[in-house]
């Protein structure tokens, strides 16, 4: 069963926390993580990119010049793809990028991503993650005390103090526990969360 240190806001160890082996001790399989990341990125795509082919561009009905005798290459329309202002060859068309992955696989991948963070010692648990006021400098100081770089902050419930204090800091993202996902866990170097948030995650993924 994985055991992690619990810190206070001054980066001092105040205790230890036993994590659920079924959630934070899952063997990591890279192909499962890759599949779910591709699934997430595909869901973000609007699929509305569109270019016009030669038949969709207005005009070009008249033959530019006669077929023979001019010394120039034959041309049937000024909307040919080789002409300026013409159509596009094999351009993007509206499409649906959605993939289907079983819910069990998505949940398993989330457990794997969490397990990888614990394995890499990039999972920081704070006893109580609270700020007294909305101030970016206070949150930057907190990250500096833990020597964290690109950080994902996970909250158990809405917290205006933290969300507004962290929103202008580069390479810091604040998520609520219900929005935790594989892509963000892998994209950010460290995860910081409270003891209460760990309980919420274990309850949701049990």
N, C-alpha and C. Protein backbone atom coordinates (compact mmCIF):
# COMPACT_ATOMS: atom_id res chain seq x y z
N UNK A 1 0.85 -1.20 0.00
CA UNK A 1 0.00 0.00 0.00
C UNK A 1 0.89 1.25 0.00
N UNK A 2 0.71 2.16 -0.99
CA UNK A 2 1.56 3.36 -1.05
C UNK A 2 1.35 4.26 0.17
N UNK A 3 2.44 4.83 0.66
CA UNK A 3 2.40 5.75 1.79
C UNK A 3 3.11 7.03 1.36
N UNK A 4 2.44 8.18 1.55
CA UNK A 4 3.03 9.47 1.19
C UNK A 4 3.06 10.37 2.41
N UNK A 5 4.00 11.32 2.39
CA UNK A 5 4.09 12.29 3.48
C UNK A 5 2.98 13.33 3.34
N UNK A 6 2.53 13.83 4.47
CA UNK A 6 1.55 14.92 4.50
C UNK A 6 2.27 16.17 5.01
N UNK A 7 2.12 17.28 4.28
CA UNK A 7 2.83 18.51 4.61
C UNK A 7 1.85 19.57 5.12
N UNK A 8 2.40 20.56 5.80
CA UNK A 8 1.63 21.76 6.08
C UNK A 8 1.99 22.81 5.04
N UNK A 9 1.44 24.01 5.18
CA UNK A 9 1.67 25.04 4.16
C UNK A 9 3.09 25.57 4.16
N UNK A 10 3.86 25.25 5.20
CA UNK A 10 5.26 25.67 5.26
C UNK A 10 6.21 24.59 4.74
N UNK A 11 5.67 23.57 4.08
CA UNK A 11 6.45 22.47 3.51
C UNK A 11 7.13 21.62 4.58
N UNK A 12 6.50 21.52 5.72
CA UNK A 12 7.02 20.67 6.80
C UNK A 12 6.17 19.42 6.90
N UNK A 13 6.82 18.27 7.07
CA UNK A 13 6.10 17.00 7.17
C UNK A 13 5.40 16.92 8.52
N UNK A 14 4.09 16.71 8.48
CA UNK A 14 3.31 16.62 9.71
C UNK A 14 2.76 15.23 9.97
N UNK A 15 2.91 14.34 9.01
CA UNK A 15 2.41 12.98 9.17
C UNK A 15 2.52 12.21 7.88
N UNK A 16 1.88 11.06 7.86
CA UNK A 16 1.86 10.23 6.66
C UNK A 16 0.44 9.78 6.36
N UNK A 17 0.23 9.44 5.10
CA UNK A 17 -1.10 9.02 4.66
C UNK A 17 -0.98 7.75 3.83
N UNK A 18 -1.78 6.75 4.20
CA UNK A 18 -1.83 5.51 3.42
C UNK A 18 -2.84 5.67 2.29
N UNK A 19 -2.40 5.40 1.08
CA UNK A 19 -3.26 5.52 -0.09
C UNK A 19 -3.82 4.15 -0.48
N UNK A 20 -4.95 4.18 -1.11
CA UNK A 20 -5.58 2.94 -1.56
C UNK A 20 -4.73 2.27 -2.64
N UNK A 21 -4.41 1.02 -2.42
CA UNK A 21 -3.59 0.29 -3.38
C UNK A 21 -4.32 0.08 -4.70
N UNK A 22 -5.66 0.01 -4.64
CA UNK A 22 -6.45 -0.22 -5.85
C UNK A 22 -6.54 1.01 -6.74
N UNK A 23 -6.13 2.17 -6.22
CA UNK A 23 -6.21 3.41 -6.99
C UNK A 23 -4.83 4.02 -7.22
N UNK A 24 -3.98 3.99 -6.21
CA UNK A 24 -2.67 4.64 -6.30
C UNK A 24 -1.52 3.64 -6.42
N UNK A 25 -1.86 2.36 -6.56
CA UNK A 25 -0.81 1.34 -6.70
C UNK A 25 -1.04 0.43 -7.88
N UNK A 26 -1.65 0.98 -8.93
CA UNK A 26 -2.00 0.19 -10.12
C UNK A 26 -0.80 0.12 -11.07
N UNK A 27 -0.50 -1.06 -11.61
CA UNK A 27 0.59 -1.16 -12.61
C UNK A 27 0.30 -0.26 -13.81
N UNK A 28 1.32 0.48 -14.23
CA UNK A 28 1.13 1.46 -15.30
C UNK A 28 1.42 0.83 -16.66
N UNK A 29 0.49 0.99 -17.58
CA UNK A 29 0.65 0.50 -18.95
C UNK A 29 0.56 1.71 -19.89
N UNK A 30 1.66 2.01 -20.54
CA UNK A 30 1.74 3.23 -21.34
C UNK A 30 0.74 3.25 -22.50
N UNK A 31 0.45 2.09 -23.08
CA UNK A 31 -0.46 2.09 -24.24
C UNK A 31 -1.89 2.46 -23.83
N UNK A 32 -2.28 2.12 -22.60
CA UNK A 32 -3.61 2.50 -22.12
C UNK A 32 -3.67 4.01 -21.90
N UNK A 33 -2.63 4.58 -21.29
CA UNK A 33 -2.58 6.02 -21.08
C UNK A 33 -2.59 6.76 -22.41
N UNK A 34 -1.83 6.25 -23.37
CA UNK A 34 -1.77 6.90 -24.69
C UNK A 34 -3.14 6.89 -25.36
N UNK A 35 -3.82 5.79 -25.28
CA UNK A 35 -5.13 5.68 -25.93
C UNK A 35 -6.13 6.67 -25.33
N UNK A 36 -6.12 6.82 -24.01
CA UNK A 36 -7.06 7.73 -23.35
C UNK A 36 -6.69 9.19 -23.61
N UNK A 37 -5.39 9.50 -23.69
CA UNK A 37 -4.98 10.86 -24.00
C UNK A 37 -5.44 11.24 -25.41
N UNK A 38 -5.27 10.34 -26.36
CA UNK A 38 -5.74 10.59 -27.74
C UNK A 38 -7.25 10.79 -27.75
N UNK A 39 -7.94 10.00 -26.95
CA UNK A 39 -9.41 10.12 -26.83
C UNK A 39 -9.80 11.51 -26.30
N UNK A 40 -9.09 11.97 -25.27
CA UNK A 40 -9.40 13.28 -24.70
C UNK A 40 -9.13 14.41 -25.69
N UNK A 41 -7.99 14.33 -26.38
CA UNK A 41 -7.66 15.38 -27.34
C UNK A 41 -8.62 15.39 -28.52
N UNK A 42 -9.07 14.21 -28.91
CA UNK A 42 -10.03 14.12 -30.02
C UNK A 42 -11.37 14.76 -29.64
N UNK A 43 -11.77 14.63 -28.38
CA UNK A 43 -13.04 15.21 -27.93
C UNK A 43 -12.99 16.74 -27.93
N UNK A 44 -11.79 17.29 -27.85
CA UNK A 44 -11.66 18.74 -27.85
C UNK A 44 -11.76 19.35 -29.24
N UNK A 45 -11.63 18.55 -30.26
CA UNK A 45 -11.62 19.06 -31.62
C UNK A 45 -13.04 19.37 -32.09
N UNK A 46 -13.23 20.54 -32.64
CA UNK A 46 -14.56 20.94 -33.11
C UNK A 46 -14.93 20.21 -34.39
N UNK A 47 -13.95 19.93 -35.24
CA UNK A 47 -14.24 19.24 -36.50
C UNK A 47 -14.98 20.13 -37.48
N UNK A 48 -14.78 21.45 -37.40
CA UNK A 48 -15.52 22.37 -38.28
C UNK A 48 -14.64 22.98 -39.36
N UNK A 49 -13.37 22.55 -39.47
CA UNK A 49 -12.50 23.10 -40.51
C UNK A 49 -13.07 22.76 -41.89
N UNK A 50 -13.07 23.75 -42.77
CA UNK A 50 -13.71 23.56 -44.08
C UNK A 50 -13.05 24.43 -45.12
N UNK A 51 -12.72 23.84 -46.28
CA UNK A 51 -12.27 24.61 -47.44
C UNK A 51 -13.19 24.28 -48.61
N UNK A 52 -13.23 25.18 -49.58
CA UNK A 52 -14.09 25.00 -50.74
C UNK A 52 -13.34 24.34 -51.88
N UNK A 53 -14.00 23.37 -52.50
CA UNK A 53 -13.47 22.74 -53.70
C UNK A 53 -13.81 23.59 -54.92
N UNK A 54 -13.34 23.17 -56.08
CA UNK A 54 -13.55 23.98 -57.29
C UNK A 54 -15.02 24.13 -57.64
N UNK A 55 -15.83 23.17 -57.27
CA UNK A 55 -17.25 23.24 -57.61
C UNK A 55 -18.04 24.14 -56.67
N UNK A 56 -17.42 24.53 -55.55
CA UNK A 56 -18.13 25.32 -54.54
C UNK A 56 -17.82 26.81 -54.62
N UNK A 57 -16.82 27.18 -55.42
CA UNK A 57 -16.43 28.59 -55.51
C UNK A 57 -17.26 29.29 -56.58
N UNK A 58 -17.75 30.46 -56.20
CA UNK A 58 -18.63 31.19 -57.11
C UNK A 58 -17.87 31.67 -58.35
N UNK A 59 -18.53 31.62 -59.49
CA UNK A 59 -17.94 32.09 -60.74
C UNK A 59 -17.19 30.97 -61.46
N UNK A 60 -16.43 31.36 -62.46
CA UNK A 60 -15.63 30.39 -63.19
C UNK A 60 -16.40 29.58 -64.21
N UNK A 61 -17.61 30.03 -64.56
CA UNK A 61 -18.41 29.25 -65.50
C UNK A 61 -17.95 29.40 -66.95
N UNK A 62 -17.38 30.55 -67.24
CA UNK A 62 -16.96 30.81 -68.61
C UNK A 62 -15.55 30.26 -68.84
N UNK A 63 -15.35 29.66 -69.98
CA UNK A 63 -14.01 29.16 -70.35
C UNK A 63 -13.10 30.37 -70.58
N UNK A 64 -11.94 30.43 -69.88
CA UNK A 64 -11.08 31.63 -69.96
C UNK A 64 -10.64 31.98 -71.37
N UNK A 65 -10.28 30.99 -72.16
CA UNK A 65 -9.90 31.22 -73.56
C UNK A 65 -10.19 29.96 -74.36
N UNK A 66 -10.10 30.10 -75.67
CA UNK A 66 -10.43 28.95 -76.51
C UNK A 66 -9.43 27.83 -76.29
N UNK A 67 -9.84 26.63 -76.67
CA UNK A 67 -9.05 25.44 -76.35
C UNK A 67 -7.70 25.43 -77.06
N UNK A 68 -7.69 25.81 -78.34
CA UNK A 68 -6.45 25.68 -79.12
C UNK A 68 -6.04 27.00 -79.76
N UNK A 69 -4.78 27.07 -80.10
CA UNK A 69 -4.32 28.18 -80.91
C UNK A 69 -3.79 29.38 -80.15
N UNK A 70 -3.85 29.38 -78.84
CA UNK A 70 -3.38 30.56 -78.10
C UNK A 70 -1.93 30.41 -77.63
N UNK A 71 -1.41 29.20 -77.64
CA UNK A 71 -0.07 28.97 -77.13
C UNK A 71 -0.02 28.74 -75.63
N UNK A 72 -1.16 28.91 -75.00
CA UNK A 72 -1.22 28.70 -73.55
C UNK A 72 -1.82 27.34 -73.24
N UNK A 73 -1.63 26.92 -72.00
CA UNK A 73 -2.21 25.64 -71.59
C UNK A 73 -3.73 25.75 -71.62
N UNK A 74 -4.38 24.65 -71.96
CA UNK A 74 -5.83 24.65 -72.01
C UNK A 74 -6.40 24.88 -70.60
N UNK A 75 -7.51 25.59 -70.55
CA UNK A 75 -8.15 25.89 -69.27
C UNK A 75 -9.65 25.89 -69.47
N UNK A 76 -10.34 25.27 -68.51
CA UNK A 76 -11.80 25.20 -68.63
C UNK A 76 -12.51 26.13 -67.65
N UNK A 77 -11.82 26.53 -66.58
CA UNK A 77 -12.44 27.40 -65.58
C UNK A 77 -11.35 28.16 -64.82
N UNK A 78 -11.68 29.35 -64.40
CA UNK A 78 -10.73 30.15 -63.60
C UNK A 78 -10.77 29.75 -62.13
N UNK A 79 -11.59 28.78 -61.79
CA UNK A 79 -11.67 28.31 -60.41
C UNK A 79 -10.93 26.98 -60.22
N UNK A 80 -10.09 26.66 -61.19
CA UNK A 80 -9.26 25.45 -61.08
C UNK A 80 -8.32 25.58 -59.88
N UNK A 81 -8.02 24.50 -59.18
CA UNK A 81 -7.12 24.56 -58.02
C UNK A 81 -5.72 25.09 -58.34
N UNK A 82 -5.31 25.06 -59.62
CA UNK A 82 -3.97 25.58 -59.94
C UNK A 82 -3.98 27.07 -60.22
N UNK A 83 -5.15 27.66 -60.16
CA UNK A 83 -5.28 29.10 -60.38
C UNK A 83 -5.42 29.82 -59.04
N UNK A 84 -4.92 31.06 -59.01
CA UNK A 84 -5.14 31.89 -57.84
C UNK A 84 -6.63 32.17 -57.69
N UNK A 85 -7.18 31.97 -56.49
CA UNK A 85 -8.61 32.15 -56.28
C UNK A 85 -9.40 30.90 -56.59
N UNK A 86 -8.70 29.85 -56.96
CA UNK A 86 -9.40 28.61 -57.28
C UNK A 86 -9.71 27.78 -56.05
N UNK A 87 -10.23 26.60 -56.27
CA UNK A 87 -10.61 25.72 -55.17
C UNK A 87 -9.39 25.07 -54.52
N UNK A 88 -9.64 24.32 -53.46
CA UNK A 88 -8.58 23.62 -52.74
C UNK A 88 -8.70 22.13 -52.99
N UNK A 89 -7.56 21.49 -53.26
CA UNK A 89 -7.56 20.05 -53.51
C UNK A 89 -7.45 19.31 -52.19
N UNK A 90 -8.35 18.41 -51.94
CA UNK A 90 -8.34 17.55 -50.75
C UNK A 90 -8.21 18.35 -49.45
N UNK A 91 -8.90 19.50 -49.38
CA UNK A 91 -8.86 20.31 -48.17
C UNK A 91 -9.70 19.68 -47.06
N UNK A 92 -9.57 20.20 -45.84
CA UNK A 92 -10.35 19.64 -44.72
C UNK A 92 -11.83 19.85 -44.91
N UNK A 93 -12.61 18.89 -44.45
CA UNK A 93 -14.06 18.96 -44.50
C UNK A 93 -14.60 18.68 -43.10
N UNK A 94 -15.77 19.20 -42.75
CA UNK A 94 -16.33 18.93 -41.42
C UNK A 94 -16.42 17.43 -41.14
N UNK A 95 -15.97 17.04 -39.96
CA UNK A 95 -15.99 15.63 -39.60
C UNK A 95 -16.07 15.48 -38.09
N UNK A 96 -16.40 14.31 -37.66
CA UNK A 96 -16.51 14.02 -36.23
C UNK A 96 -15.28 13.22 -35.81
N UNK A 97 -14.52 13.76 -34.86
CA UNK A 97 -13.29 13.11 -34.40
C UNK A 97 -13.52 12.21 -33.19
N UNK A 98 -14.74 12.09 -32.77
CA UNK A 98 -15.02 11.37 -31.53
C UNK A 98 -14.57 9.91 -31.58
N UNK A 99 -13.95 9.47 -30.49
CA UNK A 99 -13.55 8.07 -30.34
C UNK A 99 -14.40 7.46 -29.22
N UNK A 100 -14.48 6.17 -29.21
CA UNK A 100 -15.22 5.49 -28.14
C UNK A 100 -14.28 4.58 -27.37
N UNK A 101 -14.19 4.85 -26.09
CA UNK A 101 -13.38 4.02 -25.20
C UNK A 101 -14.26 3.64 -24.01
N UNK A 102 -14.27 2.37 -23.62
CA UNK A 102 -15.11 1.95 -22.50
C UNK A 102 -14.81 2.75 -21.23
N UNK A 103 -15.84 2.98 -20.45
CA UNK A 103 -15.69 3.76 -19.22
C UNK A 103 -14.71 3.09 -18.26
N UNK A 104 -14.69 1.77 -18.24
CA UNK A 104 -13.78 1.05 -17.36
C UNK A 104 -12.32 1.32 -17.73
N UNK A 105 -12.05 1.44 -19.03
CA UNK A 105 -10.69 1.72 -19.49
C UNK A 105 -10.29 3.14 -19.10
N UNK A 106 -11.22 4.09 -19.21
CA UNK A 106 -10.93 5.48 -18.84
C UNK A 106 -10.64 5.60 -17.34
N UNK A 107 -11.41 4.88 -16.54
CA UNK A 107 -11.18 4.90 -15.09
C UNK A 107 -9.84 4.24 -14.75
N UNK A 108 -9.53 3.15 -15.45
CA UNK A 108 -8.26 2.46 -15.21
C UNK A 108 -7.09 3.37 -15.56
N UNK A 109 -7.21 4.11 -16.68
CA UNK A 109 -6.13 5.01 -17.09
C UNK A 109 -5.93 6.12 -16.06
N UNK A 110 -7.02 6.61 -15.47
CA UNK A 110 -6.92 7.65 -14.44
C UNK A 110 -6.19 7.10 -13.21
N UNK A 111 -6.48 5.88 -12.84
CA UNK A 111 -5.79 5.25 -11.72
C UNK A 111 -4.30 5.07 -12.04
N UNK A 112 -4.01 4.70 -13.28
CA UNK A 112 -2.60 4.54 -13.69
C UNK A 112 -1.85 5.86 -13.63
N UNK A 113 -2.49 6.93 -14.08
CA UNK A 113 -1.85 8.25 -14.06
C UNK A 113 -1.58 8.69 -12.62
N UNK A 114 -2.53 8.45 -11.73
CA UNK A 114 -2.32 8.77 -10.32
C UNK A 114 -1.21 7.92 -9.71
N UNK A 115 -1.20 6.65 -10.07
CA UNK A 115 -0.16 5.75 -9.56
C UNK A 115 1.22 6.18 -10.02
N UNK A 116 1.31 6.66 -11.27
CA UNK A 116 2.59 7.11 -11.81
C UNK A 116 3.09 8.34 -11.05
N UNK A 117 2.18 9.24 -10.70
CA UNK A 117 2.57 10.43 -9.94
C UNK A 117 3.11 10.04 -8.57
N UNK A 118 2.45 9.11 -7.92
CA UNK A 118 2.92 8.65 -6.61
C UNK A 118 4.27 7.97 -6.75
N UNK A 119 4.42 7.16 -7.79
CA UNK A 119 5.66 6.43 -8.03
C UNK A 119 6.83 7.38 -8.28
N UNK A 120 6.55 8.50 -8.96
CA UNK A 120 7.59 9.48 -9.29
C UNK A 120 7.79 10.53 -8.20
N UNK A 121 7.12 10.36 -7.07
CA UNK A 121 7.19 11.33 -5.95
C UNK A 121 6.77 12.72 -6.39
N UNK A 122 5.78 12.79 -7.27
CA UNK A 122 5.26 14.07 -7.76
C UNK A 122 3.84 14.31 -7.24
N UNK A 123 3.50 13.63 -6.16
CA UNK A 123 2.16 13.69 -5.58
C UNK A 123 2.30 14.30 -4.18
N UNK A 124 1.94 15.58 -4.04
CA UNK A 124 2.12 16.30 -2.78
C UNK A 124 0.77 16.46 -2.07
N UNK A 125 0.69 15.92 -0.86
CA UNK A 125 -0.54 16.02 -0.07
C UNK A 125 -0.32 17.05 1.04
N UNK A 126 -1.21 18.04 1.10
CA UNK A 126 -1.16 19.07 2.14
C UNK A 126 -2.32 18.84 3.09
N UNK A 127 -2.05 18.99 4.36
CA UNK A 127 -3.07 18.72 5.37
C UNK A 127 -4.32 19.57 5.13
N UNK A 128 -4.12 20.88 5.00
CA UNK A 128 -5.23 21.78 4.68
C UNK A 128 -4.74 22.80 3.67
N UNK A 129 -5.26 22.72 2.45
CA UNK A 129 -4.85 23.62 1.39
C UNK A 129 -5.78 24.83 1.40
N UNK A 130 -5.37 25.86 2.13
CA UNK A 130 -6.21 27.04 2.30
C UNK A 130 -5.37 28.31 2.20
N UNK A 131 -6.00 29.38 1.73
CA UNK A 131 -5.38 30.71 1.74
C UNK A 131 -6.31 31.66 2.48
N UNK A 132 -5.72 32.66 3.14
CA UNK A 132 -6.50 33.62 3.92
C UNK A 132 -7.09 34.73 3.08
N UNK A 133 -6.51 34.94 1.89
CA UNK A 133 -6.97 36.03 1.04
C UNK A 133 -6.67 35.71 -0.41
N UNK A 134 -7.27 36.47 -1.30
CA UNK A 134 -7.00 36.31 -2.72
C UNK A 134 -5.77 37.13 -3.07
N UNK A 135 -4.64 36.45 -3.23
CA UNK A 135 -3.40 37.15 -3.55
C UNK A 135 -2.46 36.20 -4.28
N UNK A 136 -2.10 36.56 -5.49
CA UNK A 136 -1.25 35.71 -6.32
C UNK A 136 0.11 35.47 -5.67
N UNK A 137 0.65 36.50 -5.04
CA UNK A 137 1.96 36.38 -4.42
C UNK A 137 1.98 35.29 -3.34
N UNK A 138 0.90 35.18 -2.60
CA UNK A 138 0.82 34.16 -1.54
C UNK A 138 0.88 32.76 -2.13
N UNK A 139 0.21 32.58 -3.26
CA UNK A 139 0.20 31.24 -3.87
C UNK A 139 1.55 30.93 -4.51
N UNK A 140 2.19 31.94 -5.08
CA UNK A 140 3.53 31.74 -5.65
C UNK A 140 4.51 31.34 -4.55
N UNK A 141 4.41 32.00 -3.41
CA UNK A 141 5.27 31.65 -2.28
C UNK A 141 5.05 30.21 -1.84
N UNK A 142 3.80 29.77 -1.86
CA UNK A 142 3.49 28.38 -1.49
C UNK A 142 4.18 27.40 -2.43
N UNK A 143 4.10 27.67 -3.73
CA UNK A 143 4.74 26.79 -4.71
C UNK A 143 6.26 26.81 -4.56
N UNK A 144 6.80 27.98 -4.26
CA UNK A 144 8.25 28.09 -4.08
C UNK A 144 8.73 27.29 -2.88
N UNK A 145 7.94 27.27 -1.83
CA UNK A 145 8.33 26.51 -0.63
C UNK A 145 8.42 25.01 -0.93
N UNK A 146 7.58 24.55 -1.84
CA UNK A 146 7.60 23.13 -2.21
C UNK A 146 8.51 22.86 -3.41
N UNK A 147 9.09 23.94 -3.96
CA UNK A 147 9.97 23.83 -5.12
C UNK A 147 9.27 23.13 -6.29
N UNK A 148 8.08 23.61 -6.58
CA UNK A 148 7.28 23.00 -7.65
C UNK A 148 7.33 23.87 -8.90
N UNK A 149 7.35 23.23 -10.05
CA UNK A 149 7.34 23.93 -11.32
C UNK A 149 5.95 23.94 -11.92
N UNK A 150 5.78 23.21 -12.98
CA UNK A 150 4.49 23.10 -13.65
C UNK A 150 3.56 22.25 -12.78
N UNK A 151 2.56 22.89 -12.20
CA UNK A 151 1.80 22.25 -11.13
C UNK A 151 0.31 22.19 -11.41
N UNK A 152 -0.28 21.04 -11.08
CA UNK A 152 -1.73 20.85 -11.14
C UNK A 152 -2.26 20.86 -9.71
N UNK A 153 -3.16 21.79 -9.43
CA UNK A 153 -3.75 21.91 -8.09
C UNK A 153 -5.16 21.32 -8.14
N UNK A 154 -5.43 20.35 -7.28
CA UNK A 154 -6.73 19.68 -7.28
C UNK A 154 -7.47 20.03 -6.00
N UNK A 155 -8.69 20.53 -6.14
CA UNK A 155 -9.50 20.95 -5.00
C UNK A 155 -10.68 20.01 -4.80
N UNK A 156 -11.09 19.78 -3.56
CA UNK A 156 -12.26 18.91 -3.31
C UNK A 156 -13.57 19.63 -3.60
N UNK A 157 -13.56 20.95 -3.53
CA UNK A 157 -14.77 21.75 -3.76
C UNK A 157 -14.35 23.15 -4.19
N UNK A 158 -15.28 23.96 -4.69
CA UNK A 158 -14.91 25.32 -5.13
C UNK A 158 -14.25 26.12 -4.02
N UNK A 159 -13.17 26.80 -4.36
CA UNK A 159 -12.43 27.62 -3.40
C UNK A 159 -11.99 28.89 -4.12
N UNK A 160 -12.73 29.97 -3.89
CA UNK A 160 -12.47 31.23 -4.59
C UNK A 160 -11.08 31.77 -4.29
N UNK A 161 -10.62 31.60 -3.05
CA UNK A 161 -9.32 32.12 -2.65
C UNK A 161 -8.20 31.53 -3.51
N UNK A 162 -8.22 30.21 -3.65
CA UNK A 162 -7.16 29.53 -4.40
C UNK A 162 -7.34 29.71 -5.90
N UNK A 163 -8.57 29.55 -6.37
CA UNK A 163 -8.82 29.63 -7.82
C UNK A 163 -8.44 31.00 -8.38
N UNK A 164 -8.77 32.07 -7.67
CA UNK A 164 -8.45 33.41 -8.18
C UNK A 164 -6.98 33.76 -7.94
N UNK A 165 -6.38 33.20 -6.90
CA UNK A 165 -4.98 33.50 -6.63
C UNK A 165 -4.06 32.82 -7.62
N UNK A 166 -4.50 31.69 -8.18
CA UNK A 166 -3.63 30.89 -9.05
C UNK A 166 -3.90 31.11 -10.53
N UNK A 167 -4.96 31.81 -10.89
CA UNK A 167 -5.35 31.82 -12.30
C UNK A 167 -4.40 32.60 -13.21
N UNK A 168 -3.60 33.51 -12.65
CA UNK A 168 -2.67 34.28 -13.47
C UNK A 168 -1.25 33.75 -13.44
N UNK A 169 -1.03 32.63 -12.79
CA UNK A 169 0.32 32.09 -12.67
C UNK A 169 0.58 31.15 -13.86
N UNK A 170 1.65 31.39 -14.62
CA UNK A 170 1.96 30.50 -15.75
C UNK A 170 2.25 29.08 -15.25
N UNK A 171 1.86 28.11 -16.04
CA UNK A 171 2.14 26.69 -15.77
C UNK A 171 1.51 26.19 -14.47
N UNK A 172 0.42 26.81 -14.07
CA UNK A 172 -0.34 26.32 -12.91
C UNK A 172 -1.80 26.22 -13.33
N UNK A 173 -2.40 25.08 -13.04
CA UNK A 173 -3.81 24.87 -13.37
C UNK A 173 -4.54 24.36 -12.14
N UNK A 174 -5.73 24.90 -11.90
CA UNK A 174 -6.54 24.49 -10.76
C UNK A 174 -7.75 23.70 -11.28
N UNK A 175 -7.92 22.51 -10.74
CA UNK A 175 -9.03 21.64 -11.11
C UNK A 175 -9.78 21.22 -9.86
N UNK A 176 -11.04 20.91 -10.01
CA UNK A 176 -11.77 20.27 -8.93
C UNK A 176 -11.68 18.76 -9.11
N UNK A 177 -11.84 18.04 -8.04
CA UNK A 177 -11.59 16.59 -8.07
C UNK A 177 -12.44 15.88 -9.10
N UNK A 178 -13.67 16.37 -9.34
CA UNK A 178 -14.53 15.70 -10.32
C UNK A 178 -14.05 15.93 -11.75
N UNK A 179 -13.18 16.92 -11.95
CA UNK A 179 -12.65 17.19 -13.29
C UNK A 179 -11.28 16.61 -13.53
N UNK A 180 -10.78 15.82 -12.58
CA UNK A 180 -9.46 15.22 -12.72
C UNK A 180 -9.42 14.31 -13.94
N UNK A 181 -8.37 14.43 -14.75
CA UNK A 181 -8.31 13.66 -15.99
C UNK A 181 -6.88 13.24 -16.29
N UNK A 182 -6.74 12.28 -17.19
CA UNK A 182 -5.44 11.68 -17.50
C UNK A 182 -4.52 12.68 -18.18
N UNK A 183 -5.03 13.44 -19.12
CA UNK A 183 -4.17 14.36 -19.87
C UNK A 183 -3.49 15.37 -18.96
N UNK A 184 -4.25 16.01 -18.08
CA UNK A 184 -3.67 17.01 -17.19
C UNK A 184 -2.70 16.39 -16.19
N UNK A 185 -3.00 15.20 -15.72
CA UNK A 185 -2.09 14.53 -14.78
C UNK A 185 -0.73 14.27 -15.44
N UNK A 186 -0.76 13.89 -16.71
CA UNK A 186 0.50 13.61 -17.40
C UNK A 186 1.19 14.87 -17.89
N UNK A 187 0.41 15.91 -18.16
CA UNK A 187 0.96 17.14 -18.72
C UNK A 187 1.68 17.97 -17.65
N UNK A 188 1.19 17.93 -16.42
CA UNK A 188 1.80 18.72 -15.35
C UNK A 188 2.77 17.87 -14.55
N UNK A 189 3.86 18.49 -14.14
CA UNK A 189 4.94 17.75 -13.49
C UNK A 189 4.58 17.31 -12.09
N UNK A 190 3.83 18.12 -11.37
CA UNK A 190 3.51 17.80 -9.98
C UNK A 190 2.03 18.00 -9.73
N UNK A 191 1.51 17.25 -8.77
CA UNK A 191 0.11 17.38 -8.35
C UNK A 191 0.12 17.74 -6.87
N UNK A 192 -0.64 18.77 -6.53
CA UNK A 192 -0.74 19.19 -5.14
C UNK A 192 -2.21 19.21 -4.75
N UNK A 193 -2.53 18.61 -3.62
CA UNK A 193 -3.92 18.49 -3.19
C UNK A 193 -4.00 18.29 -1.69
N UNK A 194 -5.20 18.40 -1.15
CA UNK A 194 -5.38 18.28 0.29
C UNK A 194 -5.72 16.84 0.66
N UNK A 195 -5.65 16.56 1.96
CA UNK A 195 -6.01 15.23 2.46
C UNK A 195 -7.47 14.92 2.14
N UNK A 196 -8.32 15.93 2.26
CA UNK A 196 -9.74 15.75 1.96
C UNK A 196 -9.95 15.40 0.50
N UNK A 197 -9.17 16.01 -0.37
CA UNK A 197 -9.29 15.75 -1.80
C UNK A 197 -8.90 14.31 -2.14
N UNK A 198 -7.89 13.78 -1.45
CA UNK A 198 -7.50 12.39 -1.65
C UNK A 198 -8.67 11.47 -1.33
N UNK A 199 -9.36 11.77 -0.23
CA UNK A 199 -10.52 10.96 0.16
C UNK A 199 -11.61 11.02 -0.89
N UNK A 200 -11.82 12.22 -1.48
CA UNK A 200 -12.83 12.37 -2.53
C UNK A 200 -12.48 11.52 -3.74
N UNK A 201 -11.21 11.54 -4.12
CA UNK A 201 -10.78 10.77 -5.30
C UNK A 201 -10.94 9.27 -5.05
N UNK A 202 -10.54 8.82 -3.87
CA UNK A 202 -10.66 7.40 -3.54
C UNK A 202 -12.12 6.98 -3.53
N UNK A 203 -12.98 7.85 -3.04
CA UNK A 203 -14.42 7.54 -2.99
C UNK A 203 -15.00 7.45 -4.40
N UNK A 204 -14.56 8.36 -5.28
CA UNK A 204 -15.10 8.38 -6.65
C UNK A 204 -14.61 7.21 -7.48
N UNK A 205 -13.37 6.76 -7.25
CA UNK A 205 -12.80 5.70 -8.09
C UNK A 205 -12.86 4.32 -7.45
N UNK A 206 -13.41 4.23 -6.27
CA UNK A 206 -13.47 2.94 -5.56
C UNK A 206 -14.32 1.95 -6.34
